[in-house]
């Protein structure tokens, strides 16, 4: 599959009608796959639960997500697991911890968000370009199979 997988920051920018992003989307051929992952949907749901934002706006955003994003979300499945495991293994081998530490602490020290590994794994599994504003440098360094771009 060729196309694009939007990270949370791109979905948020799309909903906010970011001019650069909207122009890129409008220029795509009609059959181009543009989707997001279920991990991104989880990040967005968490942000709603962790903030006390404007309830009418939250309702409008949820409606927008239900129409334009959720039906096209790539699900994390058992097929995603080997890609996730591969990325984790590559990070661990390229930058082994200096001392015994938890996985979370080691990744944090490398500037890696675990959700970004899952999102990258989804992009890799489906052959999609990952659209993100995040640096994700450690992840990018170990996944030459994944193309990253930023439309915002």
C-alpha atoms as a PDB file:
ATOM      1  CA  UNK A   1       0.000   0.000   0.000  1.00  0.00           C
ATOM      2  CA  UNK A   2       1.298   3.450  -0.836  1.00  0.00           C
ATOM      3  CA  UNK A   3       0.083   6.555   0.890  1.00  0.00           C
ATOM      4  CA  UNK A   4       0.427   8.482   4.115  1.00  0.00           C
ATOM      5  CA  UNK A   5      -0.083   7.857   7.804  1.00  0.00           C
ATOM      6  CA  UNK A   6      -0.686  10.976   9.886  1.00  0.00           C
ATOM      7  CA  UNK A   7       0.790  11.308  13.349  1.00  0.00           C
ATOM      8  CA  UNK A   8      -1.301  13.057  16.000  1.00  0.00           C
ATOM      9  CA  UNK A   9       0.179  16.469  15.223  1.00  0.00           C
ATOM     10  CA  UNK A  10      -0.880  16.178  11.581  1.00  0.00           C
ATOM     11  CA  UNK A  11      -4.415  15.040  12.419  1.00  0.00           C
ATOM     12  CA  UNK A  12      -4.697  18.001  14.790  1.00  0.00           C
ATOM     13  CA  UNK A  13      -3.342  20.357  12.122  1.00  0.00           C
ATOM     14  CA  UNK A  14      -5.787  18.947   9.566  1.00  0.00           C
ATOM     15  CA  UNK A  15      -8.725  19.521  11.916  1.00  0.00           C
ATOM     16  CA  UNK A  16      -7.453  23.095  12.495  1.00  0.00           C
ATOM     17  CA  UNK A  17      -7.279  23.541   8.693  1.00  0.00           C
ATOM     18  CA  UNK A  18      -3.528  24.176   8.571  1.00  0.00           C
ATOM     19  CA  UNK A  19      -3.098  25.797   5.116  1.00  0.00           C
ATOM     20  CA  UNK A  20       0.085  23.920   4.142  1.00  0.00           C
ATOM     21  CA  UNK A  21      -1.371  20.564   5.138  1.00  0.00           C
ATOM     22  CA  UNK A  22      -4.741  21.166   3.502  1.00  0.00           C
ATOM     23  CA  UNK A  23      -3.028  22.268   0.273  1.00  0.00           C
ATOM     24  CA  UNK A  24      -0.968  19.041   0.201  1.00  0.00           C
ATOM     25  CA  UNK A  25      -4.043  16.915   0.878  1.00  0.00           C
ATOM     26  CA  UNK A  26      -6.058  18.673  -1.828  1.00  0.00           C
ATOM     27  CA  UNK A  27      -3.250  18.150  -4.359  1.00  0.00           C
ATOM     28  CA  UNK A  28      -3.178  14.364  -3.878  1.00  0.00           C
ATOM     29  CA  UNK A  29      -4.734  12.069  -6.457  1.00  0.00           C
ATOM     30  CA  UNK A  30      -8.197  10.931  -5.314  1.00  0.00           C
ATOM     31  CA  UNK A  31      -7.118   7.310  -4.772  1.00  0.00           C
ATOM     32  CA  UNK A  32      -4.220   8.189  -2.436  1.00  0.00           C
ATOM     33  CA  UNK A  33      -4.441   6.477   0.940  1.00  0.00           C
ATOM     34  CA  UNK A  34      -4.352   8.955   3.827  1.00  0.00           C
ATOM     35  CA  UNK A  35      -4.974   7.503   7.253  1.00  0.00           C
ATOM     36  CA  UNK A  36      -3.871   7.501  10.856  1.00  0.00           C
ATOM     37  CA  UNK A  37      -3.277   4.768  13.403  1.00  0.00           C
ATOM     38  CA  UNK A  38      -5.346   3.584  16.315  1.00  0.00           C
ATOM     39  CA  UNK A  39      -2.440   4.756  18.518  1.00  0.00           C
ATOM     40  CA  UNK A  40      -3.022   8.336  17.317  1.00  0.00           C
ATOM     41  CA  UNK A  41      -6.711   7.990  18.090  1.00  0.00           C
ATOM     42  CA  UNK A  42      -5.737   6.860  21.589  1.00  0.00           C
ATOM     43  CA  UNK A  43      -3.446   9.856  22.022  1.00  0.00           C
ATOM     44  CA  UNK A  44      -6.267  12.174  20.986  1.00  0.00           C
ATOM     45  CA  UNK A  45      -8.758  10.466  23.308  1.00  0.00           C
ATOM     46  CA  UNK A  46      -6.262  10.769  26.164  1.00  0.00           C
ATOM     47  CA  UNK A  47      -5.814  14.474  25.528  1.00  0.00           C
ATOM     48  CA  UNK A  48      -9.585  14.927  25.806  1.00  0.00           C
ATOM     49  CA  UNK A  49      -9.640  13.080  29.112  1.00  0.00           C
ATOM     50  CA  UNK A  50      -6.607  14.916  30.533  1.00  0.00           C
ATOM     51  CA  UNK A  51      -7.825  18.440  29.783  1.00  0.00           C
ATOM     52  CA  UNK A  52     -10.839  20.509  30.638  1.00  0.00           C
ATOM     53  CA  UNK A  53     -11.270  21.937  27.161  1.00  0.00           C
ATOM     54  CA  UNK A  54     -14.318  23.588  25.690  1.00  0.00           C
ATOM     55  CA  UNK A  55     -17.066  20.877  25.611  1.00  0.00           C
ATOM     56  CA  UNK A  56     -18.803  22.190  22.433  1.00  0.00           C
ATOM     57  CA  UNK A  57     -15.457  22.267  20.592  1.00  0.00           C
ATOM     58  CA  UNK A  58     -14.608  18.807  21.870  1.00  0.00           C
ATOM     59  CA  UNK A  59     -17.954  17.580  20.518  1.00  0.00           C
ATOM     60  CA  UNK A  60     -17.283  19.163  17.110  1.00  0.00           C
ATOM     61  CA  UNK A  61     -13.804  17.606  16.949  1.00  0.00           C
ATOM     62  CA  UNK A  62     -15.182  14.181  17.862  1.00  0.00           C
ATOM     63  CA  UNK A  63     -17.781  14.501  15.105  1.00  0.00           C
ATOM     64  CA  UNK A  64     -15.062  15.506  12.626  1.00  0.00           C
ATOM     65  CA  UNK A  65     -12.908  12.544  13.707  1.00  0.00           C
ATOM     66  CA  UNK A  66     -15.861  10.184  13.276  1.00  0.00           C
ATOM     67  CA  UNK A  67     -16.354  11.339   9.687  1.00  0.00           C
ATOM     68  CA  UNK A  68     -12.848  11.976   8.357  1.00  0.00           C
ATOM     69  CA  UNK A  69     -10.383  10.027  10.486  1.00  0.00           C
ATOM     70  CA  UNK A  70     -11.711   7.059  12.445  1.00  0.00           C
ATOM     71  CA  UNK A  71     -13.089   5.133   9.425  1.00  0.00           C
ATOM     72  CA  UNK A  72      -9.617   5.219   7.866  1.00  0.00           C
ATOM     73  CA  UNK A  73      -7.545   4.366  10.937  1.00  0.00           C
ATOM     74  CA  UNK A  74      -4.973   1.582  10.649  1.00  0.00           C
ATOM     75  CA  UNK A  75      -5.389  -0.795  13.546  1.00  0.00           C
ATOM     76  CA  UNK A  76      -2.508  -2.121  15.595  1.00  0.00           C
ATOM     77  CA  UNK A  77      -2.672  -5.894  15.289  1.00  0.00           C
ATOM     78  CA  UNK A  78      -0.592  -9.003  15.661  1.00  0.00           C
ATOM     79  CA  UNK A  79       0.802  -8.103  12.231  1.00  0.00           C
ATOM     80  CA  UNK A  80       2.193  -4.859  13.674  1.00  0.00           C
ATOM     81  CA  UNK A  81       4.047  -6.623  16.494  1.00  0.00           C
ATOM     82  CA  UNK A  82       7.093  -7.782  14.470  1.00  0.00           C
ATOM     83  CA  UNK A  83       7.675  -4.258  13.163  1.00  0.00           C
ATOM     84  CA  UNK A  84       7.424  -2.820  16.665  1.00  0.00           C
ATOM     85  CA  UNK A  85       9.772  -5.509  17.976  1.00  0.00           C
ATOM     86  CA  UNK A  86      12.239  -4.874  15.171  1.00  0.00           C
ATOM     87  CA  UNK A  87      12.362  -1.138  15.892  1.00  0.00           C
ATOM     88  CA  UNK A  88      12.772  -1.742  19.638  1.00  0.00           C
ATOM     89  CA  UNK A  89      15.548  -4.269  19.012  1.00  0.00           C
ATOM     90  CA  UNK A  90      17.372  -1.914  16.666  1.00  0.00           C
ATOM     91  CA  UNK A  91      17.224   0.939  19.180  1.00  0.00           C
ATOM     92  CA  UNK A  92      18.459  -1.322  21.986  1.00  0.00           C
ATOM     93  CA  UNK A  93      21.331  -2.718  19.886  1.00  0.00           C
ATOM     94  CA  UNK A  94      22.409   0.634  18.462  1.00  0.00           C
ATOM     95  CA  UNK A  95      22.333   2.365  21.864  1.00  0.00           C
ATOM     96  CA  UNK A  96      22.642  -0.295  24.562  1.00  0.00           C
ATOM     97  CA  UNK A  97      22.005   1.041  28.047  1.00  0.00           C
ATOM     98  CA  UNK A  98      25.130   1.840  30.067  1.00  0.00           C
ATOM     99  CA  UNK A  99      23.568   0.230  33.121  1.00  0.00           C
ATOM    100  CA  UNK A 100      20.574  -1.905  33.969  1.00  0.00           C
ATOM    101  CA  UNK A 101      17.491   0.210  33.452  1.00  0.00           C
ATOM    102  CA  UNK A 102      13.866  -0.150  32.514  1.00  0.00           C
ATOM    103  CA  UNK A 103      12.857  -0.033  28.883  1.00  0.00           C
ATOM    104  CA  UNK A 104      10.875   3.152  29.520  1.00  0.00           C
ATOM    105  CA  UNK A 105      13.842   4.917  31.123  1.00  0.00           C
ATOM    106  CA  UNK A 106      16.204   3.829  28.369  1.00  0.00           C
ATOM    107  CA  UNK A 107      13.832   5.060  25.659  1.00  0.00           C
ATOM    108  CA  UNK A 108      13.199   8.327  27.500  1.00  0.00           C
ATOM    109  CA  UNK A 109      16.962   8.911  27.693  1.00  0.00           C
ATOM    110  CA  UNK A 110      17.097   8.500  23.887  1.00  0.00           C
ATOM    111  CA  UNK A 111      14.191  10.930  23.435  1.00  0.00           C
ATOM    112  CA  UNK A 112      11.900   8.142  22.258  1.00  0.00           C
ATOM    113  CA  UNK A 113       8.159   8.072  22.950  1.00  0.00           C
ATOM    114  CA  UNK A 114       6.838   4.505  22.951  1.00  0.00           C
ATOM    115  CA  UNK A 115       3.728   5.584  21.017  1.00  0.00           C
ATOM    116  CA  UNK A 116       5.970   6.898  18.237  1.00  0.00           C
ATOM    117  CA  UNK A 117       7.473   3.422  17.899  1.00  0.00           C
ATOM    118  CA  UNK A 118       3.995   1.929  17.480  1.00  0.00           C
ATOM    119  CA  UNK A 119       2.988   4.619  14.965  1.00  0.00           C
ATOM    120  CA  UNK A 120       6.205   4.068  12.990  1.00  0.00           C
ATOM    121  CA  UNK A 121       5.596   0.310  13.104  1.00  0.00           C
ATOM    122  CA  UNK A 122       2.139   0.893  11.573  1.00  0.00           C
ATOM    123  CA  UNK A 123       3.619   3.024   8.799  1.00  0.00           C
ATOM    124  CA  UNK A 124       6.302   0.416   8.073  1.00  0.00           C
ATOM    125  CA  UNK A 125       3.831  -2.491   8.138  1.00  0.00           C
ATOM    126  CA  UNK A 126       1.569  -0.807   5.579  1.00  0.00           C
ATOM    127  CA  UNK A 127       4.255   0.848   3.440  1.00  0.00           C
ATOM    128  CA  UNK A 128       3.032   4.346   4.292  1.00  0.00           C
ATOM    129  CA  UNK A 129       4.976   7.594   4.580  1.00  0.00           C
ATOM    130  CA  UNK A 130       4.735   8.844   8.161  1.00  0.00           C
ATOM    131  CA  UNK A 131       3.657  12.474   8.387  1.00  0.00           C
ATOM    132  CA  UNK A 132       4.890  14.014  11.632  1.00  0.00           C
ATOM    133  CA  UNK A 133       6.322  17.198  13.067  1.00  0.00           C
ATOM    134  CA  UNK A 134       8.142  15.165  15.739  1.00  0.00           C
ATOM    135  CA  UNK A 135      11.904  14.781  15.404  1.00  0.00           C
ATOM    136  CA  UNK A 136      11.879  11.056  16.287  1.00  0.00           C
ATOM    137  CA  UNK A 137      15.592  11.026  15.501  1.00  0.00           C
ATOM    138  CA  UNK A 138      16.430   7.741  17.229  1.00  0.00           C
ATOM    139  CA  UNK A 139      13.523   6.024  15.498  1.00  0.00           C
ATOM    140  CA  UNK A 140      14.437   7.523  12.127  1.00  0.00           C
ATOM    141  CA  UNK A 141      18.042   6.406  12.580  1.00  0.00           C
ATOM    142  CA  UNK A 142      17.021   2.756  12.848  1.00  0.00           C
ATOM    143  CA  UNK A 143      14.176   2.587  10.307  1.00  0.00           C
ATOM    144  CA  UNK A 144      15.523   3.350   6.838  1.00  0.00           C
ATOM    145  CA  UNK A 145      12.546   1.389   5.512  1.00  0.00           C
ATOM    146  CA  UNK A 146      10.169   4.150   6.614  1.00  0.00           C
ATOM    147  CA  UNK A 147       9.844   7.476   4.842  1.00  0.00           C
ATOM    148  CA  UNK A 148       9.090  10.457   7.079  1.00  0.00           C
ATOM    149  CA  UNK A 149       7.693  13.801   5.956  1.00  0.00           C
ATOM    150  CA  UNK A 150       6.249  16.947   7.505  1.00  0.00           C
ATOM    151  CA  UNK A 151       3.453  18.845   5.797  1.00  0.00           C
ATOM    152  CA  UNK A 152       2.869  21.397   8.535  1.00  0.00           C
END
